């Protein structure tokens, strides 16, 4: 990919309910927005959880600047332990305070206690590699929900 090219790759959640996961890539650097799962339908016998296909990230783990979680619903946070177990626990995870508390609980359950979780306040601007990140407060059915602005 040439410098200056922006890619937005939905790895899940586009045209379906659940598995929300989007890769934003610029100058060979990546920010991942959400790591959700979905629950199986009745015809998926023997399947407990459905994860997004994050194979694209397996060879690019060193290029990931961070994972931003928009809110604590399972379709946005549920795959986080599985993603971090495969890609590495050294990727910072960012989001609002309640969302990060829910992420910590989920990661502890999977014995992934070394992951760095960062509380980010709406309006606070962070630099992640070539990206400037800002969380924007949103109203949703769970507190501390936010939209993500990446420039």
C-alpha atoms as a PDB file:
ATOM      1  CA  UNK A   1       0.000   0.000   0.000  1.00  0.00           C
ATOM      2  CA  UNK A   2       1.393   3.410  -0.906  1.00  0.00           C
ATOM      3  CA  UNK A   3       1.810   6.158   1.686  1.00  0.00           C
ATOM      4  CA  UNK A   4      -1.229   8.349   2.044  1.00  0.00           C
ATOM      5  CA  UNK A   5      -3.740   5.638   1.185  1.00  0.00           C
ATOM      6  CA  UNK A   6      -6.679   5.219   3.547  1.00  0.00           C
ATOM      7  CA  UNK A   7      -8.412   1.861   3.827  1.00  0.00           C
ATOM      8  CA  UNK A   8     -11.534   1.084   5.801  1.00  0.00           C
ATOM      9  CA  UNK A   9     -12.092  -2.661   6.097  1.00  0.00           C
ATOM     10  CA  UNK A  10     -15.194  -3.966   7.853  1.00  0.00           C
ATOM     11  CA  UNK A  11     -14.227  -7.407   9.156  1.00  0.00           C
ATOM     12  CA  UNK A  12     -17.700  -7.944  10.561  1.00  0.00           C
ATOM     13  CA  UNK A  13     -20.898  -6.104  11.323  1.00  0.00           C
ATOM     14  CA  UNK A  14     -21.562  -4.724   7.856  1.00  0.00           C
ATOM     15  CA  UNK A  15     -24.889  -5.955   6.532  1.00  0.00           C
ATOM     16  CA  UNK A  16     -25.399  -8.184   9.588  1.00  0.00           C
ATOM     17  CA  UNK A  17     -26.270  -7.912  13.244  1.00  0.00           C
ATOM     18  CA  UNK A  18     -23.251  -8.513  15.468  1.00  0.00           C
ATOM     19  CA  UNK A  19     -19.545  -9.165  14.931  1.00  0.00           C
ATOM     20  CA  UNK A  20     -18.847  -5.422  14.694  1.00  0.00           C
ATOM     21  CA  UNK A  21     -15.186  -4.944  13.819  1.00  0.00           C
ATOM     22  CA  UNK A  22     -13.666  -2.354  11.500  1.00  0.00           C
ATOM     23  CA  UNK A  23     -10.041  -1.805  10.521  1.00  0.00           C
ATOM     24  CA  UNK A  24      -8.927   1.712   9.614  1.00  0.00           C
ATOM     25  CA  UNK A  25      -5.532   1.663   7.930  1.00  0.00           C
ATOM     26  CA  UNK A  26      -3.311   4.578   6.896  1.00  0.00           C
ATOM     27  CA  UNK A  27       0.418   4.628   6.074  1.00  0.00           C
ATOM     28  CA  UNK A  28       0.580   0.916   6.980  1.00  0.00           C
ATOM     29  CA  UNK A  29      -0.666   1.668  10.512  1.00  0.00           C
ATOM     30  CA  UNK A  30      -3.945   0.305  11.861  1.00  0.00           C
ATOM     31  CA  UNK A  31      -6.620   1.257  14.361  1.00  0.00           C
ATOM     32  CA  UNK A  32      -9.288  -1.353  15.052  1.00  0.00           C
ATOM     33  CA  UNK A  33     -12.743  -0.109  16.029  1.00  0.00           C
ATOM     34  CA  UNK A  34     -14.712  -2.666  18.073  1.00  0.00           C
ATOM     35  CA  UNK A  35     -14.199  -6.399  18.447  1.00  0.00           C
ATOM     36  CA  UNK A  36     -17.692  -7.821  18.667  1.00  0.00           C
ATOM     37  CA  UNK A  37     -19.210 -11.243  18.391  1.00  0.00           C
ATOM     38  CA  UNK A  38     -22.645 -12.545  17.652  1.00  0.00           C
ATOM     39  CA  UNK A  39     -24.612 -15.355  19.153  1.00  0.00           C
ATOM     40  CA  UNK A  40     -25.455 -18.348  16.971  1.00  0.00           C
ATOM     41  CA  UNK A  41     -28.819 -18.844  15.351  1.00  0.00           C
ATOM     42  CA  UNK A  42     -30.936 -21.939  15.976  1.00  0.00           C
ATOM     43  CA  UNK A  43     -29.514 -23.665  12.896  1.00  0.00           C
ATOM     44  CA  UNK A  44     -25.919 -23.394  14.192  1.00  0.00           C
ATOM     45  CA  UNK A  45     -25.950 -26.505  16.362  1.00  0.00           C
ATOM     46  CA  UNK A  46     -22.917 -26.906  18.615  1.00  0.00           C
ATOM     47  CA  UNK A  47     -21.632 -23.358  18.049  1.00  0.00           C
ATOM     48  CA  UNK A  48     -21.342 -21.152  21.143  1.00  0.00           C
ATOM     49  CA  UNK A  49     -20.105 -17.866  19.651  1.00  0.00           C
ATOM     50  CA  UNK A  50     -19.576 -16.423  16.179  1.00  0.00           C
ATOM     51  CA  UNK A  51     -16.445 -14.281  15.851  1.00  0.00           C
ATOM     52  CA  UNK A  52     -15.523 -11.850  13.079  1.00  0.00           C
ATOM     53  CA  UNK A  53     -12.918 -13.065  10.602  1.00  0.00           C
ATOM     54  CA  UNK A  54      -9.832 -11.177  11.762  1.00  0.00           C
ATOM     55  CA  UNK A  55      -7.333 -13.278   9.753  1.00  0.00           C
ATOM     56  CA  UNK A  56      -6.235 -10.071   7.976  1.00  0.00           C
ATOM     57  CA  UNK A  57      -4.805  -8.825  11.288  1.00  0.00           C
ATOM     58  CA  UNK A  58      -2.813 -11.948  12.177  1.00  0.00           C
ATOM     59  CA  UNK A  59       0.157 -10.945  10.020  1.00  0.00           C
ATOM     60  CA  UNK A  60      -0.316  -7.250  10.809  1.00  0.00           C
ATOM     61  CA  UNK A  61      -0.388  -7.301  14.626  1.00  0.00           C
ATOM     62  CA  UNK A  62       2.748  -5.141  14.848  1.00  0.00           C
ATOM     63  CA  UNK A  63       1.032  -2.474  12.737  1.00  0.00           C
ATOM     64  CA  UNK A  64      -1.891  -2.048  15.154  1.00  0.00           C
ATOM     65  CA  UNK A  65      -1.736   1.218  17.111  1.00  0.00           C
ATOM     66  CA  UNK A  66      -4.737   0.359  19.264  1.00  0.00           C
ATOM     67  CA  UNK A  67      -8.210  -1.088  19.570  1.00  0.00           C
ATOM     68  CA  UNK A  68     -11.018   1.369  20.282  1.00  0.00           C
ATOM     69  CA  UNK A  69     -14.221   0.017  21.791  1.00  0.00           C
ATOM     70  CA  UNK A  70     -17.344   2.156  21.311  1.00  0.00           C
ATOM     71  CA  UNK A  71     -19.472   0.583  24.052  1.00  0.00           C
ATOM     72  CA  UNK A  72     -19.914  -2.518  26.172  1.00  0.00           C
ATOM     73  CA  UNK A  73     -22.490  -4.561  24.265  1.00  0.00           C
ATOM     74  CA  UNK A  74     -21.304  -8.054  23.297  1.00  0.00           C
ATOM     75  CA  UNK A  75     -21.625  -7.305  19.580  1.00  0.00           C
ATOM     76  CA  UNK A  76     -18.903  -4.648  20.066  1.00  0.00           C
ATOM     77  CA  UNK A  77     -16.696  -6.071  22.847  1.00  0.00           C
ATOM     78  CA  UNK A  78     -17.337  -9.829  22.995  1.00  0.00           C
ATOM     79  CA  UNK A  79     -14.501 -10.993  20.718  1.00  0.00           C
ATOM     80  CA  UNK A  80     -11.846  -8.880  22.491  1.00  0.00           C
ATOM     81  CA  UNK A  81     -10.282 -11.782  24.472  1.00  0.00           C
ATOM     82  CA  UNK A  82     -10.092 -13.974  21.365  1.00  0.00           C
ATOM     83  CA  UNK A  83      -8.553 -11.196  19.263  1.00  0.00           C
ATOM     84  CA  UNK A  84      -5.953 -10.288  21.892  1.00  0.00           C
ATOM     85  CA  UNK A  85      -5.066 -13.911  22.573  1.00  0.00           C
ATOM     86  CA  UNK A  86      -4.139 -14.334  18.898  1.00  0.00           C
ATOM     87  CA  UNK A  87      -2.684 -10.896  18.132  1.00  0.00           C
ATOM     88  CA  UNK A  88      -0.901 -10.224  21.416  1.00  0.00           C
ATOM     89  CA  UNK A  89      -1.685  -8.631  24.753  1.00  0.00           C
ATOM     90  CA  UNK A  90       0.550  -5.617  24.092  1.00  0.00           C
ATOM     91  CA  UNK A  91      -2.050  -3.832  21.927  1.00  0.00           C
ATOM     92  CA  UNK A  92      -3.604  -0.944  23.889  1.00  0.00           C
ATOM     93  CA  UNK A  93      -7.389  -0.968  24.216  1.00  0.00           C
ATOM     94  CA  UNK A  94      -9.166   2.360  24.553  1.00  0.00           C
ATOM     95  CA  UNK A  95     -12.695   3.417  25.441  1.00  0.00           C
ATOM     96  CA  UNK A  96     -14.906   5.060  28.018  1.00  0.00           C
ATOM     97  CA  UNK A  97     -14.646   4.153  31.721  1.00  0.00           C
ATOM     98  CA  UNK A  98     -17.619   1.750  31.958  1.00  0.00           C
ATOM     99  CA  UNK A  99     -16.657   0.085  28.683  1.00  0.00           C
ATOM    100  CA  UNK A 100     -13.106  -0.446  29.912  1.00  0.00           C
ATOM    101  CA  UNK A 101     -14.402  -1.881  33.212  1.00  0.00           C
ATOM    102  CA  UNK A 102     -16.515  -4.337  31.235  1.00  0.00           C
ATOM    103  CA  UNK A 103     -13.498  -5.162  29.050  1.00  0.00           C
ATOM    104  CA  UNK A 104     -11.342  -5.743  32.156  1.00  0.00           C
ATOM    105  CA  UNK A 105     -13.927  -8.154  33.560  1.00  0.00           C
ATOM    106  CA  UNK A 106     -14.090 -10.054  30.269  1.00  0.00           C
ATOM    107  CA  UNK A 107     -10.294 -10.176  29.935  1.00  0.00           C
ATOM    108  CA  UNK A 108      -9.870 -11.323  33.550  1.00  0.00           C
ATOM    109  CA  UNK A 109     -12.335 -14.126  32.873  1.00  0.00           C
ATOM    110  CA  UNK A 110     -10.029 -15.263  30.047  1.00  0.00           C
ATOM    111  CA  UNK A 111      -6.909 -14.781  32.212  1.00  0.00           C
ATOM    112  CA  UNK A 112      -5.629 -11.911  30.020  1.00  0.00           C
ATOM    113  CA  UNK A 113      -4.615  -9.588  32.839  1.00  0.00           C
ATOM    114  CA  UNK A 114      -1.632  -7.882  31.160  1.00  0.00           C
ATOM    115  CA  UNK A 115      -3.654  -5.965  28.561  1.00  0.00           C
ATOM    116  CA  UNK A 116      -3.372  -2.168  28.841  1.00  0.00           C
ATOM    117  CA  UNK A 117      -6.820  -0.567  29.050  1.00  0.00           C
ATOM    118  CA  UNK A 118      -7.071   3.205  28.754  1.00  0.00           C
ATOM    119  CA  UNK A 119     -10.060   5.304  29.835  1.00  0.00           C
ATOM    120  CA  UNK A 120     -10.688   8.074  27.333  1.00  0.00           C
ATOM    121  CA  UNK A 121     -13.032  10.982  27.994  1.00  0.00           C
ATOM    122  CA  UNK A 122     -15.226  12.421  25.221  1.00  0.00           C
ATOM    123  CA  UNK A 123     -13.474  15.347  23.578  1.00  0.00           C
ATOM    124  CA  UNK A 124     -10.030  14.177  24.699  1.00  0.00           C
ATOM    125  CA  UNK A 125      -7.700  13.966  21.700  1.00  0.00           C
ATOM    126  CA  UNK A 126      -5.141  11.178  21.488  1.00  0.00           C
ATOM    127  CA  UNK A 127      -2.455  10.420  18.961  1.00  0.00           C
ATOM    128  CA  UNK A 128      -2.229   6.820  17.723  1.00  0.00           C
ATOM    129  CA  UNK A 129       0.541   6.671  15.145  1.00  0.00           C
ATOM    130  CA  UNK A 130      -0.642   8.706  12.156  1.00  0.00           C
ATOM    131  CA  UNK A 131      -4.174   8.941  13.594  1.00  0.00           C
ATOM    132  CA  UNK A 132      -5.706  11.570  15.824  1.00  0.00           C
ATOM    133  CA  UNK A 133      -8.478   9.939  17.861  1.00  0.00           C
ATOM    134  CA  UNK A 134     -11.422  11.580  19.558  1.00  0.00           C
ATOM    135  CA  UNK A 135     -14.385   9.878  21.206  1.00  0.00           C
ATOM    136  CA  UNK A 136     -17.744  11.612  20.851  1.00  0.00           C
ATOM    137  CA  UNK A 137     -20.506  10.981  23.403  1.00  0.00           C
ATOM    138  CA  UNK A 138     -23.528   9.175  21.939  1.00  0.00           C
ATOM    139  CA  UNK A 139     -26.850   8.161  23.393  1.00  0.00           C
ATOM    140  CA  UNK A 140     -27.477   4.412  23.335  1.00  0.00           C
ATOM    141  CA  UNK A 141     -29.115   1.742  25.488  1.00  0.00           C
ATOM    142  CA  UNK A 142     -25.903   1.334  27.517  1.00  0.00           C
ATOM    143  CA  UNK A 143     -24.030   4.144  29.321  1.00  0.00           C
ATOM    144  CA  UNK A 144     -20.662   5.477  28.140  1.00  0.00           C
ATOM    145  CA  UNK A 145     -21.359   4.861  24.451  1.00  0.00           C
ATOM    146  CA  UNK A 146     -19.368   6.841  21.940  1.00  0.00           C
ATOM    147  CA  UNK A 147     -18.641   7.394  18.294  1.00  0.00           C
ATOM    148  CA  UNK A 148     -15.056   7.430  17.066  1.00  0.00           C
ATOM    149  CA  UNK A 149     -13.539  10.266  15.054  1.00  0.00           C
ATOM    150  CA  UNK A 150     -10.231   9.362  13.397  1.00  0.00           C
ATOM    151  CA  UNK A 151      -8.306  11.965  11.412  1.00  0.00           C
END
